[in-house]
Amino acid sequence: MFDWVAYLWGLAAVVLMALAAWPVSVVKHDVSIVDSLWSLMFLAATLVYLTMLPDTGTRAMLVLFLVTAWAVRLSVHITLRNRGHGEDPRYQAIRQRNEPGFAVKSLYLVFGLQAVLAWIISLPLLPALASPMPIGTFDYLGIALWTAGMVFETVGDHQLSRFKSHPVNRGKVMDRGLWRYTRHPNYFGEFLIWWGFYLLALGAGAWWSIVAPLLITFLLLRVSGVALLERDIMARRPNYAGYIRRTNAFFPGPPRKPTAAVTNHGETVP
């Protein structure tokens, strides 16, 4: 039976985290700090769920380890990446659209929304933590999917950070390593990680928690992930269009050969 009390306490935990971070963003004039908080919301919810549950098994310790490893790595990476760069351009655009009064509006437009989304997406974690059922096939598949996701996310982030650290690459498009096969290996990794968590919940019999990985997939593809990021990049880097033509947007695949264009003289050029 689903523990609604524990689930609601998880909501309280993530909302309190958002409320605590919001005044810091007002003082710093930078709501980008919510990105560092995002993964930690899931860790907080997981810890609350564990505290509320009367009994747990092997799967609970496995889920706790996986959530902690993912959440801490992602939060540290985002914090280091954003340090000294000011507010993310995507949040700057949101700020401009919602002035005057964005400092107050950001409480619900950014921090409140992120907290509620994190709470909904954490849904598979609770039944996975609560189930006394032994580890089975779905759990092993979930671990494999989570591991593949962590590799894509971690390696992709590292490759991009190293690329950006060289001044000679300023203004250039990263199209090496994993970025040669997908324009967003980190988002693809996030996709795999959450479907991995769902398989752990499925192993506990919680098939109905599929709403969570479907939601994160939609967000990654259509809302705050690929779609929003690429609109921002296209505005700043015209040569990104060529990268789009030859590289898959999300699911990895071999690079496509550039199509030939016909000149006014009837000649073809790459």
Protein backbone atom coordinates (compact mmCIF):
# COMPACT_ATOMS: atom_id res chain seq x y z
CA MET A 1 0.00 0.00 0.00
CA PHE A 2 1.35 3.42 -0.95
CA ASP A 3 2.42 5.54 2.02
CA TRP A 4 0.81 8.93 1.32
CA VAL A 5 1.94 10.35 4.65
CA ALA A 6 5.60 9.73 3.82
CA TYR A 7 5.07 11.11 0.32
CA LEU A 8 3.55 14.33 1.65
CA TRP A 9 6.40 14.72 4.13
CA GLY A 10 8.71 14.45 1.13
CA LEU A 11 6.85 17.38 -0.43
CA ALA A 12 7.30 19.37 2.78
CA ALA A 13 11.05 18.68 2.72
CA VAL A 14 11.63 19.87 -0.84
CA VAL A 15 9.41 22.93 -0.38
CA LEU A 16 11.35 23.91 2.74
CA MET A 17 14.60 23.59 0.78
CA ALA A 18 13.20 25.84 -1.93
CA LEU A 19 11.99 28.39 0.63
CA ALA A 20 15.43 28.45 2.26
CA ALA A 21 17.25 28.96 -1.04
CA TRP A 22 14.93 31.63 -2.46
CA PRO A 23 16.09 34.59 -0.27
CA VAL A 24 19.71 33.73 -1.13
CA SER A 25 18.84 34.05 -4.82
CA VAL A 26 17.21 37.44 -4.18
CA VAL A 27 20.33 38.75 -2.44
CA LYS A 28 22.62 37.35 -5.16
CA HIS A 29 20.26 38.45 -7.94
CA ASP A 30 20.75 34.95 -9.37
CA VAL A 31 18.13 32.20 -9.43
CA SER A 32 20.60 29.78 -11.07
CA ILE A 33 21.32 28.39 -7.60
CA VAL A 34 18.13 26.35 -7.98
CA ASP A 35 20.01 24.12 -10.45
CA SER A 36 22.52 23.15 -7.75
CA LEU A 37 19.60 22.45 -5.42
CA TRP A 38 17.62 20.32 -7.90
CA SER A 39 19.28 16.93 -7.37
CA LEU A 40 19.65 17.50 -3.63
CA MET A 41 15.86 17.78 -3.39
CA PHE A 42 15.64 14.12 -4.40
CA LEU A 43 18.21 13.16 -1.79
CA ALA A 44 16.24 15.05 0.87
CA ALA A 45 13.00 13.35 -0.20
CA THR A 46 14.72 9.95 -0.12
CA LEU A 47 16.00 10.53 3.41
CA VAL A 48 12.55 11.65 4.56
CA TYR A 49 10.93 8.58 3.00
CA LEU A 50 13.42 6.32 4.75
CA THR A 51 12.78 8.02 8.08
CA MET A 52 9.02 7.59 7.72
CA LEU A 53 9.04 3.97 6.61
CA PRO A 54 8.59 1.38 9.37
CA ASP A 55 10.73 -1.28 7.72
CA THR A 56 13.07 -1.45 4.73
CA GLY A 57 15.10 -4.07 2.92
CA THR A 58 18.11 -4.46 0.64
CA ARG A 59 16.49 -2.48 -2.16
CA ALA A 60 16.18 0.56 0.13
CA MET A 61 19.91 0.67 0.78
CA LEU A 62 20.56 0.24 -2.93
CA VAL A 63 18.23 3.11 -3.83
CA LEU A 64 19.77 5.34 -1.15
CA PHE A 65 23.25 4.70 -2.54
CA LEU A 66 22.22 5.36 -6.15
CA VAL A 67 20.31 8.54 -5.32
CA THR A 68 23.15 9.87 -3.15
CA ALA A 69 25.83 9.18 -5.77
CA TRP A 70 23.80 10.83 -8.53
CA ALA A 71 22.58 13.80 -6.47
CA VAL A 72 25.90 14.79 -4.92
CA ARG A 73 27.88 14.48 -8.16
CA LEU A 74 25.38 16.52 -10.16
CA SER A 75 25.03 19.24 -7.52
CA VAL A 76 28.81 19.62 -7.14
CA HIS A 77 29.31 19.71 -10.91
CA ILE A 78 26.64 22.37 -11.49
CA THR A 79 27.89 24.48 -8.57
CA LEU A 80 31.47 24.45 -9.87
CA ARG A 81 30.34 25.06 -13.45
CA ASN A 82 28.23 28.09 -12.53
CA ARG A 83 30.68 29.63 -10.06
CA GLY A 84 31.66 33.15 -11.09
CA HIS A 85 29.47 33.20 -14.21
CA GLY A 86 26.41 35.02 -12.88
CA GLU A 87 22.86 34.09 -13.70
CA ASP A 88 22.29 31.57 -16.47
CA PRO A 89 21.08 33.27 -19.71
CA ARG A 90 17.95 31.10 -19.70
CA TYR A 91 17.00 32.44 -16.28
CA GLN A 92 17.88 35.96 -17.40
CA ALA A 93 15.30 35.58 -20.16
CA ILE A 94 12.69 34.41 -17.65
CA ARG A 95 13.58 37.35 -15.42
CA GLN A 96 13.11 39.84 -18.27
CA ARG A 97 9.72 38.37 -19.20
CA ASN A 98 8.48 38.64 -15.61
CA GLU A 99 9.68 42.07 -14.56
CA PRO A 100 8.75 44.04 -12.59
CA GLY A 101 8.67 42.02 -9.42
CA PHE A 102 10.58 38.94 -10.56
CA ALA A 103 12.34 38.70 -7.18
CA VAL A 104 8.99 37.80 -5.60
CA LYS A 105 7.60 35.91 -8.59
CA SER A 106 10.68 33.65 -8.68
CA LEU A 107 9.51 32.12 -5.40
CA TYR A 108 6.77 30.24 -7.25
CA LEU A 109 7.88 30.51 -10.90
CA VAL A 110 11.30 28.98 -10.25
CA PHE A 111 11.77 27.61 -6.73
CA GLY A 112 8.23 26.45 -6.02
CA LEU A 113 7.85 24.90 -9.46
CA GLN A 114 11.18 23.05 -9.17
CA ALA A 115 10.21 21.71 -5.73
CA VAL A 116 6.86 20.36 -6.93
CA LEU A 117 8.39 18.81 -10.04
CA ALA A 118 11.11 17.14 -7.97
CA TRP A 119 8.47 15.79 -5.59
CA ILE A 120 6.40 14.29 -8.43
CA ILE A 121 9.45 12.80 -10.15
CA SER A 122 10.59 11.25 -6.84
CA LEU A 123 7.46 9.07 -6.91
CA PRO A 124 9.21 5.76 -7.88
CA LEU A 125 11.72 6.16 -5.06
CA LEU A 126 9.16 5.71 -2.27
CA PRO A 127 7.77 2.28 -3.27
CA ALA A 128 11.28 1.12 -4.16
CA LEU A 129 12.47 2.11 -0.68
CA ALA A 130 9.43 0.60 1.05
CA SER A 131 9.32 -2.80 -0.65
CA PRO A 132 10.57 -5.85 1.30
CA MET A 133 10.62 -7.91 -1.93
CA PRO A 134 14.02 -9.45 -2.80
CA ILE A 135 16.19 -8.00 -5.57
CA GLY A 136 15.18 -9.40 -8.96
CA THR A 137 15.55 -9.05 -12.72
CA PHE A 138 14.00 -5.58 -12.97
CA ASP A 139 16.34 -4.33 -10.26
CA TYR A 140 19.43 -5.58 -12.07
CA LEU A 141 18.18 -4.00 -15.30
CA GLY A 142 17.55 -0.78 -13.39
CA ILE A 143 21.09 -0.79 -11.99
CA ALA A 144 22.50 -1.36 -15.48
CA LEU A 145 20.43 1.50 -16.91
CA TRP A 146 21.38 3.80 -14.03
CA THR A 147 25.07 2.94 -14.52
CA ALA A 148 24.91 3.68 -18.25
CA GLY A 149 23.19 6.96 -17.45
CA MET A 150 25.84 7.96 -14.92
CA VAL A 151 28.57 7.21 -17.46
CA PHE A 152 26.90 9.37 -20.13
CA GLU A 153 26.16 12.19 -17.70
CA THR A 154 29.53 12.20 -15.93
CA VAL A 155 31.72 11.70 -18.99
CA GLY A 156 29.68 14.17 -21.04
CA ASP A 157 29.94 16.83 -18.34
CA HIS A 158 33.68 16.24 -17.95
CA GLN A 159 34.33 16.42 -21.68
CA LEU A 160 32.39 19.68 -22.03
CA SER A 161 34.10 21.25 -19.00
CA ARG A 162 37.53 20.35 -20.35
CA PHE A 163 36.60 21.72 -23.79
CA LYS A 164 35.41 25.03 -22.33
CA SER A 165 38.52 25.36 -20.16
CA HIS A 166 40.71 25.98 -23.22
CA PRO A 167 40.49 29.62 -24.44
CA VAL A 168 41.10 28.51 -28.02
CA ASN A 169 37.66 26.85 -27.99
CA ARG A 170 35.79 30.02 -27.04
CA GLY A 171 32.77 30.40 -29.32
CA LYS A 172 33.27 26.96 -30.85
CA VAL A 173 30.81 24.07 -30.72
CA MET A 174 31.73 20.97 -28.74
CA ASP A 175 31.45 18.01 -31.14
CA ARG A 176 33.97 15.55 -29.73
CA GLY A 177 33.75 12.47 -27.52
CA LEU A 178 30.17 11.62 -26.58
CA TRP A 179 29.10 14.97 -28.04
CA ARG A 180 29.92 13.60 -31.48
CA TYR A 181 27.07 11.10 -31.21
CA THR A 182 24.43 13.13 -29.36
CA ARG A 183 24.09 16.86 -28.84
CA HIS A 184 23.09 16.27 -25.21
CA PRO A 185 24.84 13.25 -23.66
CA ASN A 186 24.26 14.66 -20.17
CA TYR A 187 20.50 14.92 -20.72
CA PHE A 188 20.46 11.46 -22.28
CA GLY A 189 22.26 10.18 -19.19
CA GLU A 190 19.64 11.82 -16.96
CA PHE A 191 16.95 10.08 -19.02
CA LEU A 192 18.59 6.69 -18.47
CA ILE A 193 19.07 7.30 -14.75
CA TRP A 194 15.39 8.00 -14.13
CA TRP A 195 14.20 5.08 -16.19
CA GLY A 196 16.65 3.02 -14.13
CA PHE A 197 15.01 4.25 -10.93
CA TYR A 198 11.64 3.34 -12.42
CA LEU A 199 12.80 -0.23 -13.07
CA LEU A 200 13.76 -0.49 -9.39
CA ALA A 201 10.24 0.63 -8.50
CA LEU A 202 8.85 -1.83 -11.04
CA GLY A 203 10.80 -4.57 -9.30
CA ALA A 204 8.89 -3.57 -6.18
CA GLY A 205 5.58 -3.85 -8.06
CA ALA A 206 5.02 -0.08 -8.50
CA TRP A 207 4.31 -0.11 -12.25
CA TRP A 208 2.00 2.89 -11.83
CA SER A 209 4.94 5.17 -10.92
CA ILE A 210 5.76 5.36 -14.64
CA VAL A 211 4.33 8.90 -14.56
CA ALA A 212 7.68 10.07 -13.09
CA PRO A 213 10.07 8.93 -15.86
CA LEU A 214 7.54 10.04 -18.47
CA LEU A 215 7.47 13.51 -16.90
CA ILE A 216 11.26 13.86 -16.73
CA THR A 217 11.52 12.65 -20.34
CA PHE A 218 9.02 15.31 -21.43
CA LEU A 219 10.88 18.00 -19.48
CA LEU A 220 14.24 16.98 -20.93
CA LEU A 221 13.01 16.87 -24.51
CA ARG A 222 10.39 19.60 -24.72
CA VAL A 223 10.63 22.05 -21.84
CA SER A 224 13.70 22.86 -19.76
CA GLY A 225 16.22 20.59 -21.46
CA VAL A 226 16.98 20.20 -25.14
CA ALA A 227 14.39 22.62 -26.53
CA LEU A 228 15.17 25.55 -24.21
CA LEU A 229 18.95 25.11 -24.30
CA GLU A 230 19.12 24.88 -28.08
CA ARG A 231 17.06 28.04 -28.57
CA ASP A 232 19.60 29.85 -26.40
CA ILE A 233 22.63 28.34 -28.16
CA MET A 234 21.27 29.03 -31.66
CA ALA A 235 20.88 32.69 -30.74
CA ARG A 236 24.52 32.93 -29.62
CA ARG A 237 26.31 30.55 -32.01
CA PRO A 238 25.24 30.55 -35.68
CA ASN A 239 27.58 27.63 -36.48
CA TYR A 240 25.51 25.43 -34.15
CA ALA A 241 23.14 24.86 -37.09
CA GLY A 242 25.74 22.68 -38.80
CA TYR A 243 26.19 20.64 -35.64
CA ILE A 244 22.42 20.09 -35.54
CA ARG A 245 22.41 18.81 -39.12
CA ARG A 246 25.04 16.16 -38.50
CA THR A 247 24.38 15.10 -34.89
CA ASN A 248 21.42 13.39 -33.21
CA ALA A 249 19.59 15.63 -30.76
CA PHE A 250 19.14 13.14 -27.91
CA PHE A 251 19.52 9.43 -28.58
CA PRO A 252 23.12 8.62 -29.59
CA GLY A 253 23.84 7.61 -33.16
CA PRO A 254 26.59 7.87 -35.79
CA PRO A 255 27.20 11.39 -37.15
CA ARG A 256 25.43 12.15 -40.41
CA LYS A 257 27.42 13.27 -43.43
CA PRO A 258 26.83 16.93 -44.34
CA THR A 259 24.44 17.28 -47.26
CA ALA A 260 25.69 19.06 -50.35
CA ALA A 261 24.24 22.45 -51.25
CA VAL A 262 23.81 23.65 -54.85
CA THR A 263 25.35 27.01 -55.78
CA ASN A 264 23.99 29.49 -58.33
CA HIS A 265 26.46 28.04 -60.85
CA GLY A 266 25.10 24.53 -60.53
CA GLU A 267 28.08 23.34 -58.49
CA THR A 268 27.73 21.41 -55.26
CA VAL A 269 29.52 22.40 -52.09
CA PRO A 270 29.55 20.61 -48.73
